[in-house]
Amino acid sequence: MSVSTHIDASGAAHMVDVGEKPETARWATACARVKMSAAVAAGITEHTMEKGDVLAVARIAGIMAAKKTAEIIPLCHPVQLCAVTVDFTLGEGGMNVRAQASAHDRTGVEMEALTAACVAALTIYDMCKSVDRSMVIEYVRLEEKDGGRSGHFRRIAADGEP
């Protein structure tokens, strides 16, 4: 049976003590996709959506969310972020969201990158739902990370995944 780092001897959840770990450079990239209609995609790219510049608002929402990750994810350590970027590309069937977070800290920034990608995708949905409520947020995933004891990770996409 494996030992959980987030469960103590009595079975209670607890935050892992990272105080003795060295501070190292860490970064992570996460992605999501918002599957949408051609009408929504056109509205976003032509800047005709009723609520305004969808991608500008989604970018700021993603950055703000990364900064608040430890407040909304239980047992997640607060991390002093050095940078967060959120970028968008229109792909076949939807808008691709790519978020990257970096820090020089004792724990990784995977959760910050994932939170940024998720909230940016949710913001796109919110700003476009008046045109298409059938949008789907899909393929939320960690793409790559580096730093810390576990080192480098790069996701290998399964068949049919972006």
N, C-alpha and C. Protein backbone atom coordinates (compact mmCIF):
# COMPACT_ATOMS: atom_id res chain seq x y z
N MET A 1 0.84 -1.17 0.00
CA MET A 1 0.00 0.00 0.00
C MET A 1 0.89 1.24 0.00
N SER A 2 0.58 2.22 -0.85
CA SER A 2 1.41 3.42 -0.93
C SER A 2 1.09 4.36 0.22
N VAL A 3 2.06 5.17 0.56
CA VAL A 3 1.91 6.15 1.63
C VAL A 3 1.51 7.47 1.01
N SER A 4 0.44 8.05 1.51
CA SER A 4 -0.02 9.34 1.01
C SER A 4 0.71 10.47 1.74
N THR A 5 1.15 11.44 0.98
CA THR A 5 1.83 12.58 1.59
C THR A 5 0.85 13.58 2.18
N HIS A 6 -0.43 13.46 1.85
CA HIS A 6 -1.43 14.41 2.31
C HIS A 6 -2.37 13.85 3.37
N ILE A 7 -2.08 12.64 3.86
CA ILE A 7 -2.89 12.01 4.90
C ILE A 7 -1.96 11.67 6.06
N ASP A 8 -2.34 12.09 7.27
CA ASP A 8 -1.48 11.78 8.42
C ASP A 8 -1.80 10.39 8.98
N ALA A 9 -1.12 9.99 10.05
CA ALA A 9 -1.26 8.64 10.61
C ALA A 9 -2.69 8.34 11.06
N SER A 10 -3.44 9.37 11.43
CA SER A 10 -4.82 9.16 11.88
C SER A 10 -5.82 9.18 10.72
N GLY A 11 -5.33 9.43 9.51
CA GLY A 11 -6.22 9.46 8.36
C GLY A 11 -6.73 10.84 8.00
N ALA A 12 -6.27 11.85 8.71
CA ALA A 12 -6.73 13.22 8.45
C ALA A 12 -5.90 13.87 7.35
N ALA A 13 -6.56 14.64 6.52
CA ALA A 13 -5.84 15.38 5.47
C ALA A 13 -5.03 16.50 6.10
N HIS A 14 -3.86 16.75 5.55
CA HIS A 14 -3.03 17.86 6.04
C HIS A 14 -2.18 18.40 4.90
N MET A 15 -1.70 19.61 5.10
CA MET A 15 -0.82 20.23 4.11
C MET A 15 0.60 19.71 4.33
N VAL A 16 1.25 19.31 3.27
CA VAL A 16 2.61 18.78 3.33
C VAL A 16 3.56 19.90 3.75
N ASP A 17 4.50 19.59 4.61
CA ASP A 17 5.51 20.56 5.04
C ASP A 17 6.62 20.62 3.98
N VAL A 18 6.74 21.76 3.32
CA VAL A 18 7.77 21.92 2.30
C VAL A 18 8.90 22.83 2.79
N GLY A 19 8.90 23.14 4.07
CA GLY A 19 9.86 24.08 4.64
C GLY A 19 11.31 23.70 4.46
N GLU A 20 11.61 22.42 4.41
CA GLU A 20 13.00 21.97 4.27
C GLU A 20 13.42 21.79 2.81
N LYS A 21 12.49 21.90 1.89
CA LYS A 21 12.83 21.73 0.48
C LYS A 21 13.55 22.97 -0.04
N PRO A 22 14.48 22.80 -0.95
CA PRO A 22 15.18 23.98 -1.49
C PRO A 22 14.29 24.73 -2.48
N GLU A 23 14.49 26.01 -2.55
CA GLU A 23 13.79 26.81 -3.56
C GLU A 23 14.50 26.59 -4.90
N THR A 24 13.72 26.26 -5.91
CA THR A 24 14.27 26.06 -7.24
C THR A 24 13.34 26.71 -8.26
N ALA A 25 13.87 26.94 -9.44
CA ALA A 25 13.05 27.46 -10.53
C ALA A 25 12.08 26.37 -10.96
N ARG A 26 10.82 26.74 -11.13
CA ARG A 26 9.77 25.79 -11.50
C ARG A 26 8.84 26.44 -12.49
N TRP A 27 8.35 25.67 -13.43
CA TRP A 27 7.35 26.18 -14.37
C TRP A 27 6.45 25.04 -14.80
N ALA A 28 5.26 25.41 -15.25
CA ALA A 28 4.30 24.42 -15.73
C ALA A 28 3.44 25.04 -16.82
N THR A 29 3.02 24.21 -17.76
CA THR A 29 2.13 24.63 -18.83
C THR A 29 0.90 23.72 -18.81
N ALA A 30 -0.27 24.33 -18.83
CA ALA A 30 -1.53 23.59 -18.85
C ALA A 30 -2.39 24.10 -20.00
N CYS A 31 -3.26 23.26 -20.49
CA CYS A 31 -4.11 23.63 -21.62
C CYS A 31 -5.55 23.19 -21.37
N ALA A 32 -6.45 23.80 -22.11
CA ALA A 32 -7.86 23.44 -22.13
C ALA A 32 -8.39 23.83 -23.50
N ARG A 33 -9.55 23.30 -23.85
CA ARG A 33 -10.18 23.70 -25.10
C ARG A 33 -11.65 23.99 -24.84
N VAL A 34 -12.14 25.06 -25.47
CA VAL A 34 -13.56 25.37 -25.41
C VAL A 34 -14.13 25.04 -26.78
N LYS A 35 -14.88 23.96 -26.84
CA LYS A 35 -15.55 23.55 -28.08
C LYS A 35 -16.72 24.50 -28.29
N MET A 36 -16.80 25.10 -29.48
CA MET A 36 -17.81 26.13 -29.72
C MET A 36 -18.28 26.12 -31.16
N SER A 37 -19.37 26.81 -31.38
CA SER A 37 -19.93 26.92 -32.73
C SER A 37 -19.10 27.90 -33.55
N ALA A 38 -19.30 27.83 -34.86
CA ALA A 38 -18.63 28.77 -35.77
C ALA A 38 -19.07 30.20 -35.48
N ALA A 39 -20.30 30.38 -35.06
CA ALA A 39 -20.80 31.73 -34.75
C ALA A 39 -20.05 32.33 -33.57
N VAL A 40 -19.79 31.54 -32.55
CA VAL A 40 -19.05 32.04 -31.39
C VAL A 40 -17.61 32.34 -31.80
N ALA A 41 -16.99 31.42 -32.51
CA ALA A 41 -15.61 31.65 -32.96
C ALA A 41 -15.50 32.93 -33.77
N ALA A 42 -16.45 33.15 -34.66
CA ALA A 42 -16.43 34.38 -35.47
C ALA A 42 -16.63 35.61 -34.59
N GLY A 43 -17.54 35.53 -33.64
CA GLY A 43 -17.78 36.67 -32.74
C GLY A 43 -16.55 37.04 -31.93
N ILE A 44 -15.82 36.02 -31.50
CA ILE A 44 -14.59 36.28 -30.74
C ILE A 44 -13.53 36.91 -31.63
N THR A 45 -13.28 36.32 -32.78
CA THR A 45 -12.20 36.82 -33.63
C THR A 45 -12.53 38.16 -34.28
N GLU A 46 -13.82 38.42 -34.50
CA GLU A 46 -14.23 39.70 -35.11
C GLU A 46 -14.55 40.76 -34.07
N HIS A 47 -14.39 40.42 -32.80
CA HIS A 47 -14.65 41.35 -31.68
C HIS A 47 -16.08 41.91 -31.72
N THR A 48 -17.04 41.01 -31.95
CA THR A 48 -18.43 41.45 -32.00
C THR A 48 -19.28 40.85 -30.88
N MET A 49 -18.64 40.21 -29.92
CA MET A 49 -19.41 39.63 -28.82
C MET A 49 -19.97 40.76 -27.94
N GLU A 50 -21.19 40.57 -27.51
CA GLU A 50 -21.92 41.58 -26.74
C GLU A 50 -21.17 42.04 -25.48
N LYS A 51 -20.47 41.13 -24.81
CA LYS A 51 -19.80 41.47 -23.55
C LYS A 51 -18.41 42.08 -23.75
N GLY A 52 -17.94 42.19 -24.99
CA GLY A 52 -16.66 42.84 -25.22
C GLY A 52 -15.58 41.89 -25.71
N ASP A 53 -14.33 42.27 -25.47
CA ASP A 53 -13.16 41.53 -25.94
C ASP A 53 -12.99 40.26 -25.09
N VAL A 54 -13.50 39.17 -25.59
CA VAL A 54 -13.55 37.91 -24.86
C VAL A 54 -12.16 37.45 -24.43
N LEU A 55 -11.22 37.46 -25.32
CA LEU A 55 -9.90 36.91 -25.00
C LEU A 55 -9.11 37.80 -24.04
N ALA A 56 -9.29 39.11 -24.14
CA ALA A 56 -8.62 40.01 -23.19
C ALA A 56 -9.13 39.76 -21.77
N VAL A 57 -10.44 39.62 -21.64
CA VAL A 57 -11.03 39.38 -20.32
C VAL A 57 -10.64 37.99 -19.82
N ALA A 58 -10.68 36.99 -20.69
CA ALA A 58 -10.32 35.63 -20.29
C ALA A 58 -8.85 35.55 -19.86
N ARG A 59 -7.98 36.29 -20.54
CA ARG A 59 -6.55 36.30 -20.17
C ARG A 59 -6.38 36.86 -18.75
N ILE A 60 -7.00 37.98 -18.48
CA ILE A 60 -6.89 38.58 -17.14
C ILE A 60 -7.50 37.66 -16.09
N ALA A 61 -8.64 37.04 -16.40
CA ALA A 61 -9.28 36.11 -15.45
C ALA A 61 -8.35 34.94 -15.14
N GLY A 62 -7.69 34.39 -16.16
CA GLY A 62 -6.77 33.29 -15.94
C GLY A 62 -5.59 33.68 -15.07
N ILE A 63 -5.03 34.84 -15.33
CA ILE A 63 -3.90 35.33 -14.52
C ILE A 63 -4.33 35.54 -13.08
N MET A 64 -5.48 36.18 -12.90
CA MET A 64 -5.99 36.42 -11.53
C MET A 64 -6.24 35.10 -10.81
N ALA A 65 -6.78 34.12 -11.53
CA ALA A 65 -7.08 32.82 -10.92
C ALA A 65 -5.80 32.12 -10.47
N ALA A 66 -4.76 32.17 -11.30
CA ALA A 66 -3.49 31.55 -10.91
C ALA A 66 -2.99 32.13 -9.59
N LYS A 67 -3.14 33.44 -9.43
CA LYS A 67 -2.69 34.12 -8.21
C LYS A 67 -3.51 33.72 -6.99
N LYS A 68 -4.71 33.19 -7.19
CA LYS A 68 -5.61 32.82 -6.08
C LYS A 68 -5.71 31.31 -5.87
N THR A 69 -4.90 30.54 -6.55
CA THR A 69 -5.03 29.08 -6.53
C THR A 69 -5.04 28.51 -5.12
N ALA A 70 -4.13 28.92 -4.27
CA ALA A 70 -4.05 28.37 -2.91
C ALA A 70 -5.28 28.71 -2.08
N GLU A 71 -6.04 29.70 -2.49
CA GLU A 71 -7.27 30.05 -1.76
C GLU A 71 -8.45 29.17 -2.15
N ILE A 72 -8.38 28.52 -3.31
CA ILE A 72 -9.53 27.73 -3.76
C ILE A 72 -9.27 26.23 -3.86
N ILE A 73 -8.02 25.80 -3.83
CA ILE A 73 -7.68 24.38 -3.89
C ILE A 73 -7.17 23.96 -2.52
N PRO A 74 -7.92 23.11 -1.81
CA PRO A 74 -7.48 22.68 -0.48
C PRO A 74 -6.10 22.03 -0.52
N LEU A 75 -5.30 22.31 0.47
CA LEU A 75 -3.96 21.75 0.66
C LEU A 75 -2.93 22.23 -0.34
N CYS A 76 -3.28 23.18 -1.19
CA CYS A 76 -2.35 23.74 -2.16
C CYS A 76 -1.56 24.86 -1.49
N HIS A 77 -0.25 24.83 -1.63
CA HIS A 77 0.59 25.85 -1.01
C HIS A 77 0.51 27.17 -1.77
N PRO A 78 0.54 28.28 -1.05
CA PRO A 78 0.68 29.56 -1.74
C PRO A 78 2.08 29.63 -2.37
N VAL A 79 2.14 30.06 -3.59
CA VAL A 79 3.40 30.13 -4.32
C VAL A 79 3.60 31.57 -4.77
N GLN A 80 4.83 32.06 -4.64
CA GLN A 80 5.15 33.40 -5.12
C GLN A 80 5.45 33.31 -6.61
N LEU A 81 4.43 33.58 -7.40
CA LEU A 81 4.57 33.47 -8.85
C LEU A 81 5.51 34.54 -9.40
N CYS A 82 6.33 34.15 -10.34
CA CYS A 82 7.18 35.10 -11.07
C CYS A 82 6.47 35.60 -12.31
N ALA A 83 5.72 34.71 -12.97
CA ALA A 83 5.02 35.08 -14.20
C ALA A 83 3.88 34.11 -14.47
N VAL A 84 2.85 34.62 -15.11
CA VAL A 84 1.74 33.80 -15.62
C VAL A 84 1.38 34.35 -16.98
N THR A 85 1.29 33.46 -17.97
CA THR A 85 0.82 33.88 -19.29
C THR A 85 -0.36 33.01 -19.67
N VAL A 86 -1.29 33.60 -20.40
CA VAL A 86 -2.44 32.86 -20.93
C VAL A 86 -2.58 33.27 -22.39
N ASP A 87 -2.54 32.28 -23.28
CA ASP A 87 -2.63 32.53 -24.71
C ASP A 87 -3.73 31.69 -25.32
N PHE A 88 -4.20 32.13 -26.49
CA PHE A 88 -5.32 31.48 -27.16
C PHE A 88 -5.01 31.27 -28.63
N THR A 89 -5.45 30.13 -29.14
CA THR A 89 -5.39 29.89 -30.59
C THR A 89 -6.71 29.25 -30.99
N LEU A 90 -7.24 29.73 -32.09
CA LEU A 90 -8.47 29.15 -32.61
C LEU A 90 -8.10 27.92 -33.42
N GLY A 91 -8.61 26.79 -33.00
CA GLY A 91 -8.33 25.53 -33.69
C GLY A 91 -9.60 24.95 -34.25
N GLU A 92 -9.47 23.78 -34.81
CA GLU A 92 -10.62 23.11 -35.38
C GLU A 92 -11.64 22.80 -34.28
N GLY A 93 -12.80 23.40 -34.36
CA GLY A 93 -13.88 23.12 -33.41
C GLY A 93 -13.83 23.89 -32.12
N GLY A 94 -12.85 24.76 -31.94
CA GLY A 94 -12.85 25.49 -30.68
C GLY A 94 -11.64 26.36 -30.44
N MET A 95 -11.67 26.99 -29.27
CA MET A 95 -10.59 27.88 -28.84
C MET A 95 -9.69 27.10 -27.89
N ASN A 96 -8.40 27.06 -28.21
CA ASN A 96 -7.42 26.41 -27.35
C ASN A 96 -6.85 27.43 -26.38
N VAL A 97 -6.78 27.05 -25.12
CA VAL A 97 -6.25 27.91 -24.06
C VAL A 97 -4.95 27.28 -23.59
N ARG A 98 -3.90 28.09 -23.47
CA ARG A 98 -2.60 27.62 -22.99
C ARG A 98 -2.13 28.57 -21.90
N ALA A 99 -1.93 28.04 -20.71
CA ALA A 99 -1.48 28.85 -19.58
C ALA A 99 -0.14 28.35 -19.08
N GLN A 100 0.75 29.27 -18.79
CA GLN A 100 2.04 28.89 -18.23
C GLN A 100 2.28 29.72 -16.97
N ALA A 101 2.76 29.05 -15.92
CA ALA A 101 3.09 29.70 -14.66
C ALA A 101 4.53 29.36 -14.30
N SER A 102 5.21 30.32 -13.69
CA SER A 102 6.58 30.06 -13.23
C SER A 102 6.78 30.69 -11.85
N ALA A 103 7.70 30.08 -11.11
CA ALA A 103 8.02 30.56 -9.77
C ALA A 103 9.41 30.07 -9.40
N HIS A 104 9.98 30.70 -8.40
CA HIS A 104 11.21 30.22 -7.77
C HIS A 104 10.79 29.93 -6.33
N ASP A 105 10.45 28.66 -6.06
CA ASP A 105 9.81 28.34 -4.78
C ASP A 105 10.12 26.90 -4.39
N ARG A 106 9.48 26.44 -3.29
CA ARG A 106 9.72 25.11 -2.75
C ARG A 106 8.74 24.06 -3.27
N THR A 107 7.75 24.49 -4.00
CA THR A 107 6.76 23.57 -4.55
C THR A 107 6.36 24.03 -5.94
N GLY A 108 5.81 23.12 -6.70
CA GLY A 108 5.53 23.38 -8.11
C GLY A 108 4.35 24.28 -8.40
N VAL A 109 4.19 24.59 -9.67
CA VAL A 109 3.14 25.52 -10.10
C VAL A 109 2.15 24.86 -11.08
N GLU A 110 2.06 23.53 -11.01
CA GLU A 110 1.11 22.84 -11.87
C GLU A 110 -0.32 23.30 -11.61
N MET A 111 -0.69 23.40 -10.35
CA MET A 111 -2.06 23.78 -10.01
C MET A 111 -2.36 25.22 -10.45
N GLU A 112 -1.37 26.09 -10.39
CA GLU A 112 -1.58 27.46 -10.84
C GLU A 112 -1.82 27.51 -12.34
N ALA A 113 -1.04 26.75 -13.10
CA ALA A 113 -1.23 26.71 -14.56
C ALA A 113 -2.58 26.10 -14.91
N LEU A 114 -2.94 25.00 -14.25
CA LEU A 114 -4.24 24.36 -14.50
C LEU A 114 -5.40 25.28 -14.14
N THR A 115 -5.28 25.97 -13.02
CA THR A 115 -6.34 26.89 -12.60
C THR A 115 -6.49 28.03 -13.60
N ALA A 116 -5.37 28.56 -14.07
CA ALA A 116 -5.42 29.64 -15.06
C ALA A 116 -6.12 29.18 -16.33
N ALA A 117 -5.77 27.98 -16.83
CA ALA A 117 -6.39 27.47 -18.05
C ALA A 117 -7.89 27.24 -17.85
N CYS A 118 -8.26 26.66 -16.71
CA CYS A 118 -9.68 26.40 -16.44
C CYS A 118 -10.49 27.68 -16.34
N VAL A 119 -10.00 28.65 -15.60
CA VAL A 119 -10.77 29.88 -15.40
C VAL A 119 -10.82 30.70 -16.69
N ALA A 120 -9.77 30.69 -17.46
CA ALA A 120 -9.83 31.37 -18.77
C ALA A 120 -10.90 30.72 -19.65
N ALA A 121 -10.96 29.39 -19.65
CA ALA A 121 -11.98 28.68 -20.43
C ALA A 121 -13.37 28.98 -19.91
N LEU A 122 -13.54 29.00 -18.61
CA LEU A 122 -14.84 29.34 -18.02
C LEU A 122 -15.26 30.76 -18.37
N THR A 123 -14.31 31.66 -18.43
CA THR A 123 -14.61 33.05 -18.78
C THR A 123 -15.06 33.14 -20.24
N ILE A 124 -14.42 32.40 -21.12
CA ILE A 124 -14.86 32.37 -22.51
C ILE A 124 -16.31 31.88 -22.57
N TYR A 125 -16.60 30.81 -21.84
CA TYR A 125 -17.98 30.30 -21.82
C TYR A 125 -18.94 31.39 -21.32
N ASP A 126 -18.60 32.01 -20.21
CA ASP A 126 -19.48 33.03 -19.63
C ASP A 126 -19.73 34.18 -20.60
N MET A 127 -18.71 34.61 -21.28
CA MET A 127 -18.86 35.77 -22.16
C MET A 127 -19.55 35.43 -23.48
N CYS A 128 -19.66 34.15 -23.81
CA CYS A 128 -20.23 33.75 -25.10
C CYS A 128 -21.52 32.94 -24.97
N LYS A 129 -21.96 32.66 -23.76
CA LYS A 129 -23.11 31.77 -23.58
C LYS A 129 -24.40 32.31 -24.16
N SER A 130 -24.50 33.62 -24.35
CA SER A 130 -25.73 34.17 -24.94
C SER A 130 -25.87 33.76 -26.41
N VAL A 131 -24.75 33.41 -27.05
CA VAL A 131 -24.78 32.98 -28.44
C VAL A 131 -24.87 31.46 -28.55
N ASP A 132 -24.21 30.74 -27.61
CA ASP A 132 -24.17 29.28 -27.71
C ASP A 132 -23.99 28.67 -26.32
N ARG A 133 -25.08 28.19 -25.74
CA ARG A 133 -25.00 27.55 -24.41
C ARG A 133 -24.51 26.11 -24.50
N SER A 134 -24.31 25.59 -25.70
CA SER A 134 -23.86 24.21 -25.84
C SER A 134 -22.35 24.07 -25.91
N MET A 135 -21.62 25.15 -25.65
CA MET A 135 -20.15 25.06 -25.63
C MET A 135 -19.73 24.02 -24.59
N VAL A 136 -18.58 23.40 -24.83
CA VAL A 136 -18.05 22.38 -23.92
C VAL A 136 -16.61 22.72 -23.60
N ILE A 137 -16.28 22.70 -22.32
CA ILE A 137 -14.89 22.84 -21.91
C ILE A 137 -14.33 21.43 -21.79
N GLU A 138 -13.25 21.18 -22.53
CA GLU A 138 -12.73 19.81 -22.60
C GLU A 138 -11.21 19.81 -22.62
N TYR A 139 -10.66 18.64 -22.46
CA TYR A 139 -9.21 18.41 -22.55
C TYR A 139 -8.40 19.33 -21.64
N VAL A 140 -8.86 19.50 -20.41
CA VAL A 140 -8.06 20.23 -19.42
C VAL A 140 -6.94 19.29 -18.99
N ARG A 141 -5.69 19.77 -19.12
CA ARG A 141 -4.58 18.88 -18.81
C ARG A 141 -3.28 19.64 -18.57
N LEU A 142 -2.40 19.00 -17.78
CA LEU A 142 -1.04 19.47 -17.63
C LEU A 142 -0.27 19.00 -18.85
N GLU A 143 0.37 19.91 -19.54
CA GLU A 143 1.14 19.55 -20.73
C GLU A 143 2.60 19.28 -20.40
N GLU A 144 3.16 20.14 -19.54
CA GLU A 144 4.59 20.02 -19.26
C GLU A 144 4.90 20.76 -17.97
N LYS A 145 5.90 20.28 -17.26
CA LYS A 145 6.38 20.97 -16.06
C LYS A 145 7.84 20.66 -15.86
N ASP A 146 8.50 21.54 -15.11
CA ASP A 146 9.90 21.30 -14.80
C ASP A 146 10.22 21.94 -13.46
N GLY A 147 11.20 21.35 -12.79
CA GLY A 147 11.67 21.88 -11.52
C GLY A 147 11.32 20.97 -10.36
N GLY A 148 12.09 21.12 -9.30
CA GLY A 148 11.83 20.33 -8.11
C GLY A 148 12.38 18.93 -8.20
N ARG A 149 12.07 18.15 -7.19
CA ARG A 149 12.61 16.80 -7.07
C ARG A 149 12.15 15.87 -8.19
N SER A 150 10.91 16.04 -8.63
CA SER A 150 10.40 15.12 -9.67
C SER A 150 10.89 15.48 -11.07
N GLY A 151 11.50 16.65 -11.23
CA GLY A 151 12.12 17.01 -12.49
C GLY A 151 11.15 17.33 -13.61
N HIS A 152 11.53 16.94 -14.81
CA HIS A 152 10.78 17.30 -16.01
C HIS A 152 9.69 16.28 -16.33
N PHE A 153 8.55 16.77 -16.77
CA PHE A 153 7.43 15.94 -17.23
C PHE A 153 6.89 16.55 -18.51
N ARG A 154 6.63 15.72 -19.50
CA ARG A 154 5.96 16.15 -20.72
C ARG A 154 4.88 15.12 -21.04
N ARG A 155 3.67 15.59 -21.20
CA ARG A 155 2.53 14.74 -21.49
C ARG A 155 2.61 14.20 -22.91
N ILE A 156 2.26 12.95 -23.08
CA ILE A 156 2.15 12.34 -24.39
C ILE A 156 0.67 12.17 -24.67
N ALA A 157 0.18 12.80 -25.72
CA ALA A 157 -1.25 12.76 -26.03
C ALA A 157 -1.68 11.38 -26.46
N ALA A 158 -2.86 10.98 -25.97
CA ALA A 158 -3.46 9.73 -26.41
C ALA A 158 -4.15 9.94 -27.74
N ASP A 159 -4.48 8.87 -28.43
CA ASP A 159 -5.16 8.97 -29.72
C ASP A 159 -6.43 9.80 -29.59
N GLY A 160 -6.60 10.74 -30.49
CA GLY A 160 -7.79 11.58 -30.52
C GLY A 160 -7.72 12.83 -29.66
N GLU A 161 -6.72 12.92 -28.81
CA GLU A 161 -6.57 14.10 -27.95
C GLU A 161 -5.70 15.14 -28.67
N PRO A 162 -5.93 16.40 -28.32
CA PRO A 162 -5.08 17.44 -28.92
C PRO A 162 -3.65 17.38 -28.39
